[in-house]
Amino acid sequence: MSLGNPLLTLQESLCSLINKILENINMRSNHLPNFDLETVKTFFAVTRSKNFTDAATLLHKTPAAVSYRIRALEEQFGVLLFERKPHSLEITEAGELLLDHFMKIQDLLSDLPSKMSLLTNGIESSYRIAISNLVLRRPLVEITKKLKEQFPLTDFYIETRHHRDLWEALIGGECDYAIGLPEQQGMDIDLQTIFWGICEWSLGSSSSITDTSKLPLAAIASERESPLHQAWIRDYGSKIFVSDVDMMIDLVRSRAAVAFIPKQLKETNPDLRFSSVKNGPGKTVFRLASTNAEKSPITSFITHLLLEKRQSFALTEE
């Protein structure tokens, strides 16, 4: 019986061995670390106890079993996690890094039952609110506090959006709730909105300023591109474009500019002076809307708060 070419057989064996090594390297580099929760618990116990014997006592295991799991972790990552000393273990820099990541995993797992319970009760685990930059934002601080007290396990994300971009953000799923939506103006949108109030704009300046003609006009940045506002902006030679109404008011208070701000603030801000002028933005109607208004407890709660506190946003109900 012929045994074949011994040299060819040796070459085939070497090729097979090399391929297995390459496959192993590829698996190590392209796959996530392979460890279970018991390994994570073992790692935590060793970091606390600083030796295998005490860690084994905590876990009701043998020191050999604990040592084996730590050694398997070190082999998997290719680093030394603990420096072995005569009577103790000292965690290495690599061990500190792994500990930090394991603690993040532990935090996520501990939050999981409570997050799951939110879903069973119809409460979102995260909720995104977008507010128009033409509306005062300061009153939202109190409302956010009440929201967090009522829904402590929900993560809230709040951002300011350009007034004219709010519809797009809501319909495009970039927010769950839009505060201060503009009128639809012929837009064919099948989404129910709630009238929230009207803001009447008036030229405001610091009460300590006698001559406002030399001051620049502070205006919302998006108004620069809007044909509807070009007429009255053009009346002012110098301009400062800002992102929101709160910043305009701060500039007026610092005597750096004049600005069209909510006339309703006159009652509560004696340091501001309001003037009547021919050209200005006039009145703006604001609305509220959410894409999940019927089924969300958070949406119902925030709508109630906003309708109750609308005047604090310098709005009138008219």
C-alpha atoms as a PDB file:
ATOM      1  CA  MET A   1       0.000   0.000   0.000  1.00  0.00           C
ATOM      2  CA  SER A   2       1.376   3.359  -1.005  1.00  0.00           C
ATOM      3  CA  LEU A   3       1.770   5.951   1.721  1.00  0.00           C
ATOM      4  CA  GLY A   4       1.904   8.813  -0.811  1.00  0.00           C
ATOM      5  CA  ASN A   5       4.461  11.602  -0.939  1.00  0.00           C
ATOM      6  CA  PRO A   6       5.714  12.279   2.637  1.00  0.00           C
ATOM      7  CA  LEU A   7       6.830  15.833   1.700  1.00  0.00           C
ATOM      8  CA  LEU A   8       3.391  16.680   0.296  1.00  0.00           C
ATOM      9  CA  THR A   9       1.703  15.282   3.401  1.00  0.00           C
ATOM     10  CA  LEU A  10       3.943  17.444   5.631  1.00  0.00           C
ATOM     11  CA  GLN A  11       3.155  20.550   3.547  1.00  0.00           C
ATOM     12  CA  GLU A  12      -0.586  19.899   3.834  1.00  0.00           C
ATOM     13  CA  SER A  13      -0.313  19.475   7.612  1.00  0.00           C
ATOM     14  CA  LEU A  14       1.632  22.729   7.951  1.00  0.00           C
ATOM     15  CA  CYS A  15      -0.912  24.605   5.804  1.00  0.00           C
ATOM     16  CA  SER A  16      -3.767  23.219   7.897  1.00  0.00           C
ATOM     17  CA  LEU A  17      -2.042  24.293  11.124  1.00  0.00           C
ATOM     18  CA  ILE A  18      -1.329  27.803   9.772  1.00  0.00           C
ATOM     19  CA  ASN A  19      -4.965  28.192   8.666  1.00  0.00           C
ATOM     20  CA  LYS A  20      -6.210  27.226  12.137  1.00  0.00           C
ATOM     21  CA  ILE A  21      -3.882  29.770  13.763  1.00  0.00           C
ATOM     22  CA  LEU A  22      -5.051  32.479  11.346  1.00  0.00           C
ATOM     23  CA  GLU A  23      -8.710  31.610  12.021  1.00  0.00           C
ATOM     24  CA  ASN A  24      -8.063  31.833  15.764  1.00  0.00           C
ATOM     25  CA  ILE A  25      -6.394  35.241  15.392  1.00  0.00           C
ATOM     26  CA  ASN A  26      -9.272  36.439  13.238  1.00  0.00           C
ATOM     27  CA  MET A  27     -11.815  35.275  15.818  1.00  0.00           C
ATOM     28  CA  ARG A  28      -9.954  37.053  18.609  1.00  0.00           C
ATOM     29  CA  SER A  29      -9.768  40.341  16.727  1.00  0.00           C
ATOM     30  CA  ASN A  30     -13.303  40.449  15.309  1.00  0.00           C
ATOM     31  CA  HIS A  31     -15.454  39.088  18.139  1.00  0.00           C
ATOM     32  CA  LEU A  32     -16.629  40.658  21.362  1.00  0.00           C
ATOM     33  CA  PRO A  33     -15.102  39.441  24.647  1.00  0.00           C
ATOM     34  CA  ASN A  34     -16.586  36.142  25.799  1.00  0.00           C
ATOM     35  CA  PHE A  35     -17.442  36.269  29.492  1.00  0.00           C
ATOM     36  CA  ASP A  36     -20.507  35.621  31.644  1.00  0.00           C
ATOM     37  CA  LEU A  37     -21.946  37.376  34.707  1.00  0.00           C
ATOM     38  CA  GLU A  38     -20.264  34.865  37.020  1.00  0.00           C
ATOM     39  CA  THR A  39     -16.896  35.983  35.658  1.00  0.00           C
ATOM     40  CA  VAL A  40     -17.834  39.622  36.254  1.00  0.00           C
ATOM     41  CA  LYS A  41     -18.842  38.806  39.859  1.00  0.00           C
ATOM     42  CA  THR A  42     -15.548  36.964  40.350  1.00  0.00           C
ATOM     43  CA  PHE A  43     -13.560  39.918  39.037  1.00  0.00           C
ATOM     44  CA  PHE A  44     -15.399  42.305  41.410  1.00  0.00           C
ATOM     45  CA  ALA A  45     -14.757  39.991  44.373  1.00  0.00           C
ATOM     46  CA  VAL A  46     -11.031  39.780  43.624  1.00  0.00           C
ATOM     47  CA  THR A  47     -10.700  43.580  43.258  1.00  0.00           C
ATOM     48  CA  ARG A  48     -12.366  44.020  46.663  1.00  0.00           C
ATOM     49  CA  SER A  49     -10.530  41.232  48.497  1.00  0.00           C
ATOM     50  CA  LYS A  50      -7.119  41.632  46.834  1.00  0.00           C
ATOM     51  CA  ASN A  51      -6.488  37.890  47.087  1.00  0.00           C
ATOM     52  CA  PHE A  52      -8.002  34.706  45.727  1.00  0.00           C
ATOM     53  CA  THR A  53      -8.703  33.041  49.091  1.00  0.00           C
ATOM     54  CA  ASP A  54     -10.907  35.831  50.515  1.00  0.00           C
ATOM     55  CA  ALA A  55     -12.633  36.272  47.155  1.00  0.00           C
ATOM     56  CA  ALA A  56     -13.400  32.551  47.106  1.00  0.00           C
ATOM     57  CA  THR A  57     -14.937  32.809  50.600  1.00  0.00           C
ATOM     58  CA  LEU A  58     -17.198  35.666  49.425  1.00  0.00           C
ATOM     59  CA  LEU A  59     -18.319  33.674  46.401  1.00  0.00           C
ATOM     60  CA  HIS A  60     -18.523  30.271  48.176  1.00  0.00           C
ATOM     61  CA  LYS A  61     -16.055  28.814  45.702  1.00  0.00           C
ATOM     62  CA  THR A  62     -12.584  27.335  45.863  1.00  0.00           C
ATOM     63  CA  PRO A  63      -9.538  29.609  45.427  1.00  0.00           C
ATOM     64  CA  ALA A  64      -8.542  27.488  42.414  1.00  0.00           C
ATOM     65  CA  ALA A  65     -11.882  28.197  40.690  1.00  0.00           C
ATOM     66  CA  VAL A  66     -11.514  31.946  41.301  1.00  0.00           C
ATOM     67  CA  SER A  67      -7.916  31.927  40.090  1.00  0.00           C
ATOM     68  CA  TYR A  68      -8.938  30.007  36.965  1.00  0.00           C
ATOM     69  CA  ARG A  69     -11.585  32.599  35.979  1.00  0.00           C
ATOM     70  CA  ILE A  70      -9.165  35.509  36.437  1.00  0.00           C
ATOM     71  CA  ARG A  71      -6.476  33.701  34.459  1.00  0.00           C
ATOM     72  CA  ALA A  72      -8.994  32.987  31.666  1.00  0.00           C
ATOM     73  CA  LEU A  73      -9.878  36.689  31.553  1.00  0.00           C
ATOM     74  CA  GLU A  74      -6.214  37.643  31.305  1.00  0.00           C
ATOM     75  CA  GLU A  75      -5.631  35.152  28.499  1.00  0.00           C
ATOM     76  CA  GLN A  76      -8.672  36.413  26.631  1.00  0.00           C
ATOM     77  CA  PHE A  77      -7.548  40.058  26.714  1.00  0.00           C
ATOM     78  CA  GLY A  78      -3.857  39.256  26.492  1.00  0.00           C
ATOM     79  CA  VAL A  79      -2.956  41.461  29.464  1.00  0.00           C
ATOM     80  CA  LEU A  80      -2.145  41.072  33.153  1.00  0.00           C
ATOM     81  CA  LEU A  81      -5.105  42.242  35.245  1.00  0.00           C
ATOM     82  CA  PHE A  82      -3.536  41.669  38.675  1.00  0.00           C
ATOM     83  CA  GLU A  83       0.078  41.734  39.741  1.00  0.00           C
ATOM     84  CA  ARG A  84       0.730  38.706  41.977  1.00  0.00           C
ATOM     85  CA  LYS A  85       2.582  39.595  45.194  1.00  0.00           C
ATOM     86  CA  PRO A  86       3.536  37.260  48.094  1.00  0.00           C
ATOM     87  CA  HIS A  87       0.462  37.992  50.219  1.00  0.00           C
ATOM     88  CA  SER A  88      -1.873  40.023  47.994  1.00  0.00           C
ATOM     89  CA  LEU A  89      -2.913  41.033  44.505  1.00  0.00           C
ATOM     90  CA  GLU A  90      -2.506  44.529  43.094  1.00  0.00           C
ATOM     91  CA  ILE A  91      -4.752  45.606  40.242  1.00  0.00           C
ATOM     92  CA  THR A  92      -2.916  46.785  37.120  1.00  0.00           C
ATOM     93  CA  GLU A  93      -3.790  49.685  34.811  1.00  0.00           C
ATOM     94  CA  ALA A  94      -5.458  47.205  32.459  1.00  0.00           C
ATOM     95  CA  GLY A  95      -7.406  45.820  35.418  1.00  0.00           C
ATOM     96  CA  GLU A  96      -8.585  49.337  36.332  1.00  0.00           C
ATOM     97  CA  LEU A  97      -9.833  49.823  32.776  1.00  0.00           C
ATOM     98  CA  LEU A  98     -11.731  46.531  32.842  1.00  0.00           C
ATOM     99  CA  LEU A  99     -13.175  47.382  36.271  1.00  0.00           C
ATOM    100  CA  ASP A 100     -14.511  50.683  34.932  1.00  0.00           C
ATOM    101  CA  HIS A 101     -16.241  48.914  32.035  1.00  0.00           C
ATOM    102  CA  PHE A 102     -17.633  46.138  34.252  1.00  0.00           C
ATOM    103  CA  MET A 103     -19.099  48.765  36.605  1.00  0.00           C
ATOM    104  CA  LYS A 104     -20.865  50.409  33.655  1.00  0.00           C
ATOM    105  CA  ILE A 105     -22.308  47.027  32.683  1.00  0.00           C
ATOM    106  CA  GLN A 106     -23.452  46.494  36.275  1.00  0.00           C
ATOM    107  CA  ASP A 107     -25.168  49.915  36.342  1.00  0.00           C
ATOM    108  CA  LEU A 108     -26.990  49.168  33.089  1.00  0.00           C
ATOM    109  CA  LEU A 109     -28.173  45.791  34.360  1.00  0.00           C
ATOM    110  CA  SER A 110     -29.348  47.226  37.685  1.00  0.00           C
ATOM    111  CA  ASP A 111     -31.437  49.839  35.814  1.00  0.00           C
ATOM    112  CA  LEU A 112     -32.973  47.267  33.486  1.00  0.00           C
ATOM    113  CA  PRO A 113     -35.870  46.024  35.715  1.00  0.00           C
ATOM    114  CA  SER A 114     -37.056  49.562  36.453  1.00  0.00           C
ATOM    115  CA  LYS A 115     -36.781  50.564  32.787  1.00  0.00           C
ATOM    116  CA  MET A 116     -38.791  47.483  31.800  1.00  0.00           C
ATOM    117  CA  SER A 117     -41.486  48.372  34.336  1.00  0.00           C
ATOM    118  CA  LEU A 118     -41.838  51.792  32.674  1.00  0.00           C
ATOM    119  CA  LEU A 119     -42.708  50.164  29.359  1.00  0.00           C
ATOM    120  CA  THR A 120     -45.365  47.918  30.928  1.00  0.00           C
ATOM    121  CA  ASN A 121     -47.034  51.042  32.371  1.00  0.00           C
ATOM    122  CA  GLY A 122     -46.935  52.896  29.053  1.00  0.00           C
ATOM    123  CA  ILE A 123     -44.262  55.361  30.230  1.00  0.00           C
ATOM    124  CA  GLU A 124     -41.356  56.141  27.918  1.00  0.00           C
ATOM    125  CA  SER A 125     -37.848  55.390  29.195  1.00  0.00           C
ATOM    126  CA  SER A 126     -36.639  58.498  27.321  1.00  0.00           C
ATOM    127  CA  TYR A 127     -38.542  61.600  26.200  1.00  0.00           C
ATOM    128  CA  ARG A 128     -37.374  64.378  23.859  1.00  0.00           C
ATOM    129  CA  ILE A 129     -38.762  67.913  24.100  1.00  0.00           C
ATOM    130  CA  ALA A 130     -38.114  70.635  21.526  1.00  0.00           C
ATOM    131  CA  ILE A 131     -38.953  74.271  22.325  1.00  0.00           C
ATOM    132  CA  SER A 132     -39.183  77.184  19.903  1.00  0.00           C
ATOM    133  CA  ASN A 133     -36.394  79.746  20.138  1.00  0.00           C
ATOM    134  CA  LEU A 134     -39.075  82.474  20.047  1.00  0.00           C
ATOM    135  CA  VAL A 135     -40.353  81.364  23.462  1.00  0.00           C
ATOM    136  CA  LEU A 136     -38.786  82.128  26.836  1.00  0.00           C
ATOM    137  CA  ARG A 137     -36.952  79.024  28.083  1.00  0.00           C
ATOM    138  CA  ARG A 138     -36.472  79.959  31.732  1.00  0.00           C
ATOM    139  CA  PRO A 139     -39.956  78.805  32.897  1.00  0.00           C
ATOM    140  CA  LEU A 140     -39.135  75.359  31.475  1.00  0.00           C
ATOM    141  CA  VAL A 141     -36.717  74.770  34.366  1.00  0.00           C
ATOM    142  CA  GLU A 142     -39.561  74.540  36.899  1.00  0.00           C
ATOM    143  CA  ILE A 143     -41.635  72.368  34.565  1.00  0.00           C
ATOM    144  CA  THR A 144     -38.693  70.021  33.966  1.00  0.00           C
ATOM    145  CA  LYS A 145     -38.229  69.654  37.712  1.00  0.00           C
ATOM    146  CA  LYS A 146     -41.885  68.645  38.110  1.00  0.00           C
ATOM    147  CA  LEU A 147     -41.595  66.231  35.194  1.00  0.00           C
ATOM    148  CA  LYS A 148     -38.604  64.530  36.795  1.00  0.00           C
ATOM    149  CA  GLU A 149     -40.383  64.297  40.140  1.00  0.00           C
ATOM    150  CA  GLN A 150     -43.399  62.680  38.477  1.00  0.00           C
ATOM    151  CA  PHE A 151     -41.359  60.387  36.179  1.00  0.00           C
ATOM    152  CA  PRO A 152     -38.037  59.830  37.985  1.00  0.00           C
ATOM    153  CA  LEU A 153     -36.908  56.880  35.844  1.00  0.00           C
ATOM    154  CA  THR A 154     -37.381  58.628  32.486  1.00  0.00           C
ATOM    155  CA  ASP A 155     -34.433  60.337  30.792  1.00  0.00           C
ATOM    156  CA  PHE A 156     -35.476  63.758  29.462  1.00  0.00           C
ATOM    157  CA  TYR A 157     -33.740  65.499  26.558  1.00  0.00           C
ATOM    158  CA  ILE A 158     -34.579  69.179  26.011  1.00  0.00           C
ATOM    159  CA  GLU A 159     -33.318  71.313  23.150  1.00  0.00           C
ATOM    160  CA  THR A 160     -34.072  74.673  21.559  1.00  0.00           C
ATOM    161  CA  ARG A 161     -35.070  74.628  17.878  1.00  0.00           C
ATOM    162  CA  HIS A 162     -35.553  77.392  15.329  1.00  0.00           C
ATOM    163  CA  HIS A 163     -39.250  78.296  15.338  1.00  0.00           C
ATOM    164  CA  ARG A 164     -39.840  77.373  11.704  1.00  0.00           C
ATOM    165  CA  ASP A 165     -38.051  73.991  12.077  1.00  0.00           C
ATOM    166  CA  LEU A 166     -40.288  72.646  14.851  1.00  0.00           C
ATOM    167  CA  TRP A 167     -42.839  70.998  12.544  1.00  0.00           C
ATOM    168  CA  GLU A 168     -40.106  69.166  10.676  1.00  0.00           C
ATOM    169  CA  ALA A 169     -38.537  67.964  13.944  1.00  0.00           C
ATOM    170  CA  LEU A 170     -41.855  66.646  15.250  1.00  0.00           C
ATOM    171  CA  ILE A 171     -42.986  64.924  12.053  1.00  0.00           C
ATOM    172  CA  GLY A 172     -39.499  63.567  11.398  1.00  0.00           C
ATOM    173  CA  GLY A 173     -39.402  61.871  14.801  1.00  0.00           C
ATOM    174  CA  GLU A 174     -36.591  64.044  16.159  1.00  0.00           C
ATOM    175  CA  CYS A 175     -38.674  64.988  19.219  1.00  0.00           C
ATOM    176  CA  ASP A 176     -41.657  63.566  21.119  1.00  0.00           C
ATOM    177  CA  TYR A 177     -43.144  66.922  22.078  1.00  0.00           C
ATOM    178  CA  ALA A 178     -42.952  70.350  20.408  1.00  0.00           C
ATOM    179  CA  ILE A 179     -43.455  73.512  22.450  1.00  0.00           C
ATOM    180  CA  GLY A 180     -44.301  76.700  20.553  1.00  0.00           C
ATOM    181  CA  LEU A 181     -45.233  75.358  17.128  1.00  0.00           C
ATOM    182  CA  PRO A 182     -46.043  78.059  14.556  1.00  0.00           C
ATOM    183  CA  GLU A 183     -49.397  78.141  12.787  1.00  0.00           C
ATOM    184  CA  GLN A 184     -49.657  75.529  10.030  1.00  0.00           C
ATOM    185  CA  GLN A 185     -50.320  78.148   7.328  1.00  0.00           C
ATOM    186  CA  GLY A 186     -51.817  75.797   4.749  1.00  0.00           C
ATOM    187  CA  MET A 187     -49.633  72.793   5.609  1.00  0.00           C
ATOM    188  CA  ASP A 188     -51.469  69.494   5.080  1.00  0.00           C
ATOM    189  CA  ILE A 189     -50.565  67.803   8.372  1.00  0.00           C
ATOM    190  CA  ASP A 190     -52.743  65.200  10.063  1.00  0.00           C
ATOM    191  CA  LEU A 191     -51.651  66.054  13.588  1.00  0.00           C
ATOM    192  CA  GLN A 192     -53.821  67.551  16.303  1.00  0.00           C
ATOM    193  CA  THR A 193     -52.379  70.644  17.985  1.00  0.00           C
ATOM    194  CA  ILE A 194     -53.406  72.642  21.041  1.00  0.00           C
ATOM    195  CA  PHE A 195     -53.604  76.428  21.041  1.00  0.00           C
ATOM    196  CA  TRP A 196     -51.129  77.608  23.675  1.00  0.00           C
ATOM    197  CA  GLY A 197     -51.167  81.392  23.491  1.00  0.00           C
ATOM    198  CA  ILE A 198     -50.170  84.559  21.646  1.00  0.00           C
ATOM    199  CA  CYS A 199     -47.026  86.640  22.063  1.00  0.00           C
ATOM    200  CA  GLU A 200     -47.194  90.339  21.198  1.00  0.00           C
ATOM    201  CA  TRP A 201     -43.775  91.763  20.387  1.00  0.00           C
ATOM    202  CA  SER A 202     -42.726  95.269  21.427  1.00  0.00           C
ATOM    203  CA  LEU A 203     -39.441  97.130  21.081  1.00  0.00           C
ATOM    204  CA  GLY A 204     -37.662  96.834  24.424  1.00  0.00           C
ATOM    205  CA  SER A 205     -34.643  98.621  25.842  1.00  0.00           C
ATOM    206  CA  SER A 206     -32.980  99.137  29.179  1.00  0.00           C
ATOM    207  CA  SER A 207     -34.834 101.748  31.265  1.00  0.00           C
ATOM    208  CA  SER A 208     -31.512 103.528  31.855  1.00  0.00           C
ATOM    209  CA  ILE A 209     -31.046 104.204  28.128  1.00  0.00           C
ATOM    210  CA  THR A 210     -32.401 107.524  26.853  1.00  0.00           C
ATOM    211  CA  ASP A 211     -31.328 107.336  23.201  1.00  0.00           C
ATOM    212  CA  THR A 212     -31.951 103.935  21.595  1.00  0.00           C
ATOM    213  CA  SER A 213     -31.185 105.047  18.041  1.00  0.00           C
ATOM    214  CA  LYS A 214     -27.467 104.396  18.471  1.00  0.00           C
ATOM    215  CA  LEU A 215     -27.911 100.832  19.717  1.00  0.00           C
ATOM    216  CA  PRO A 216     -27.991  97.780  17.425  1.00  0.00           C
ATOM    217  CA  LEU A 217     -31.079  95.623  17.064  1.00  0.00           C
ATOM    218  CA  ALA A 218     -30.835  92.132  18.564  1.00  0.00           C
ATOM    219  CA  ALA A 219     -32.838  89.679  16.445  1.00  0.00           C
ATOM    220  CA  ILE A 220     -33.221  85.913  16.130  1.00  0.00           C
ATOM    221  CA  ALA A 221     -30.697  84.492  13.660  1.00  0.00           C
ATOM    222  CA  SER A 222     -33.337  82.693  11.587  1.00  0.00           C
ATOM    223  CA  GLU A 223     -35.202  85.986  11.000  1.00  0.00           C
ATOM    224  CA  ARG A 224     -32.358  87.187   8.826  1.00  0.00           C
ATOM    225  CA  GLU A 225     -33.371  84.634   6.187  1.00  0.00           C
ATOM    226  CA  SER A 226     -37.139  85.121   6.522  1.00  0.00           C
ATOM    227  CA  PRO A 227     -38.821  87.379   3.943  1.00  0.00           C
ATOM    228  CA  LEU A 228     -41.605  88.060   6.458  1.00  0.00           C
ATOM    229  CA  HIS A 229     -39.192  89.801   8.824  1.00  0.00           C
ATOM    230  CA  GLN A 230     -36.839  91.494   6.392  1.00  0.00           C
ATOM    231  CA  ALA A 231     -38.960  94.653   6.260  1.00  0.00           C
ATOM    232  CA  TRP A 232     -38.657  95.622   9.909  1.00  0.00           C
ATOM    233  CA  ILE A 233     -35.103  94.311  10.366  1.00  0.00           C
ATOM    234  CA  ARG A 234     -33.980  96.529   7.474  1.00  0.00           C
ATOM    235  CA  ASP A 235     -34.981  99.635   9.461  1.00  0.00           C
ATOM    236  CA  TYR A 236     -32.018  99.103  11.781  1.00  0.00           C
ATOM    237  CA  GLY A 237     -28.544  99.759  10.403  1.00  0.00           C
ATOM    238  CA  SER A 238     -26.658  97.647  12.946  1.00  0.00           C
ATOM    239  CA  LYS A 239     -27.795  94.194  14.075  1.00  0.00           C
ATOM    240  CA  ILE A 240     -26.813  91.416  16.447  1.00  0.00           C
ATOM    241  CA  PHE A 241     -28.233  88.028  15.519  1.00  0.00           C
ATOM    242  CA  VAL A 242     -28.699  85.615  18.434  1.00  0.00           C
ATOM    243  CA  SER A 243     -30.171  82.135  18.902  1.00  0.00           C
ATOM    244  CA  ASP A 244     -33.127  82.784  21.224  1.00  0.00           C
ATOM    245  CA  VAL A 245     -35.321  85.297  23.062  1.00  0.00           C
ATOM    246  CA  ASP A 246     -33.582  84.771  26.425  1.00  0.00           C
ATOM    247  CA  MET A 247     -30.297  85.976  24.950  1.00  0.00           C
ATOM    248  CA  MET A 248     -31.999  89.008  23.373  1.00  0.00           C
ATOM    249  CA  ILE A 249     -33.356  90.011  26.766  1.00  0.00           C
ATOM    250  CA  ASP A 250     -29.921  89.600  28.366  1.00  0.00           C
ATOM    251  CA  LEU A 251     -28.433  91.933  25.717  1.00  0.00           C
ATOM    252  CA  VAL A 252     -31.158  94.506  26.364  1.00  0.00           C
ATOM    253  CA  ARG A 253     -30.582  94.338  30.117  1.00  0.00           C
ATOM    254  CA  SER A 254     -26.848  94.806  29.630  1.00  0.00           C
ATOM    255  CA  ARG A 255     -27.601  97.931  27.535  1.00  0.00           C
ATOM    256  CA  ALA A 256     -25.850  96.400  24.532  1.00  0.00           C
ATOM    257  CA  ALA A 257     -28.860  96.410  22.192  1.00  0.00           C
ATOM    258  CA  VAL A 258     -32.569  96.953  21.707  1.00  0.00           C
ATOM    259  CA  ALA A 259     -34.822  94.057  20.722  1.00  0.00           C
ATOM    260  CA  PHE A 260     -38.398  93.048  20.032  1.00  0.00           C
ATOM    261  CA  ILE A 261     -39.308  91.036  23.109  1.00  0.00           C
ATOM    262  CA  PRO A 262     -42.604  89.747  24.575  1.00  0.00           C
ATOM    263  CA  LYS A 263     -44.705  92.738  25.607  1.00  0.00           C
ATOM    264  CA  GLN A 264     -46.210  90.704  28.465  1.00  0.00           C
ATOM    265  CA  LEU A 265     -42.876  90.963  30.312  1.00  0.00           C
ATOM    266  CA  LYS A 266     -43.615  94.621  30.992  1.00  0.00           C
ATOM    267  CA  GLU A 267     -45.610  93.717  34.089  1.00  0.00           C
ATOM    268  CA  THR A 268     -42.809  91.826  35.813  1.00  0.00           C
ATOM    269  CA  ASN A 269     -39.729  93.655  34.515  1.00  0.00           C
ATOM    270  CA  PRO A 270     -39.578  97.310  35.599  1.00  0.00           C
ATOM    271  CA  ASP A 271     -35.968  97.513  34.359  1.00  0.00           C
ATOM    272  CA  LEU A 272     -37.219  97.167  30.767  1.00  0.00           C
ATOM    273  CA  ARG A 273     -38.789  99.980  28.765  1.00  0.00           C
ATOM    274  CA  PHE A 274     -41.185  99.263  25.882  1.00  0.00           C
ATOM    275  CA  SER A 275     -41.732 101.508  22.872  1.00  0.00           C
ATOM    276  CA  SER A 276     -44.327 101.460  20.116  1.00  0.00           C
ATOM    277  CA  VAL A 277     -42.967 101.510  16.568  1.00  0.00           C
ATOM    278  CA  LYS A 278     -44.544 101.146  13.133  1.00  0.00           C
ATOM    279  CA  ASN A 279     -42.579  98.145  11.959  1.00  0.00           C
ATOM    280  CA  GLY A 280     -42.079  95.006  14.010  1.00  0.00           C
ATOM    281  CA  PRO A 281     -42.887  91.305  14.148  1.00  0.00           C
ATOM    282  CA  GLY A 282     -46.402  91.973  15.499  1.00  0.00           C
ATOM    283  CA  LYS A 283     -48.052  88.912  17.072  1.00  0.00           C
ATOM    284  CA  THR A 284     -47.070  85.244  17.011  1.00  0.00           C
ATOM    285  CA  VAL A 285     -49.432  82.348  17.739  1.00  0.00           C
ATOM    286  CA  PHE A 286     -47.896  79.350  19.526  1.00  0.00           C
ATOM    287  CA  ARG A 287     -49.218  75.795  19.674  1.00  0.00           C
ATOM    288  CA  LEU A 288     -48.364  72.502  21.374  1.00  0.00           C
ATOM    289  CA  ALA A 289     -48.293  69.062  19.788  1.00  0.00           C
ATOM    290  CA  SER A 290     -47.045  65.516  20.227  1.00  0.00           C
ATOM    291  CA  THR A 291     -47.185  62.489  17.959  1.00  0.00           C
ATOM    292  CA  ASN A 292     -48.276  60.189  20.817  1.00  0.00           C
ATOM    293  CA  ALA A 293     -50.708  62.457  22.658  1.00  0.00           C
ATOM    294  CA  GLU A 294     -53.397  59.826  23.256  1.00  0.00           C
ATOM    295  CA  LYS A 295     -51.371  57.104  24.955  1.00  0.00           C
ATOM    296  CA  SER A 296     -48.530  58.838  26.793  1.00  0.00           C
ATOM    297  CA  PRO A 297     -48.851  59.787  30.493  1.00  0.00           C
ATOM    298  CA  ILE A 298     -45.822  62.089  30.095  1.00  0.00           C
ATOM    299  CA  THR A 299     -47.446  63.949  27.202  1.00  0.00           C
ATOM    300  CA  SER A 300     -50.664  64.455  29.189  1.00  0.00           C
ATOM    301  CA  PHE A 301     -48.733  65.683  32.221  1.00  0.00           C
ATOM    302  CA  ILE A 302     -46.534  68.171  30.354  1.00  0.00           C
ATOM    303  CA  THR A 303     -49.526  69.524  28.391  1.00  0.00           C
ATOM    304  CA  HIS A 304     -51.344  70.195  31.660  1.00  0.00           C
ATOM    305  CA  LEU A 305     -48.307  72.015  33.077  1.00  0.00           C
ATOM    306  CA  LEU A 306     -47.758  74.106  29.939  1.00  0.00           C
ATOM    307  CA  LEU A 307     -51.399  75.194  29.709  1.00  0.00           C
ATOM    308  CA  GLU A 308     -51.336  76.095  33.382  1.00  0.00           C
ATOM    309  CA  LYS A 309     -48.063  78.050  33.136  1.00  0.00           C
ATOM    310  CA  ARG A 310     -48.489  79.669  29.710  1.00  0.00           C
ATOM    311  CA  GLN A 311     -48.355  83.217  31.081  1.00  0.00           C
ATOM    312  CA  SER A 312     -44.928  82.562  32.612  1.00  0.00           C
ATOM    313  CA  PHE A 313     -43.650  82.076  29.059  1.00  0.00           C
ATOM    314  CA  ALA A 314     -44.762  85.675  28.339  1.00  0.00           C
ATOM    315  CA  LEU A 315     -47.860  84.478  26.459  1.00  0.00           C
ATOM    316  CA  THR A 316     -51.423  85.654  26.586  1.00  0.00           C
ATOM    317  CA  GLU A 317     -54.430  83.359  26.204  1.00  0.00           C
ATOM    318  CA  GLU A 318     -56.207  85.680  23.739  1.00  0.00           C
END
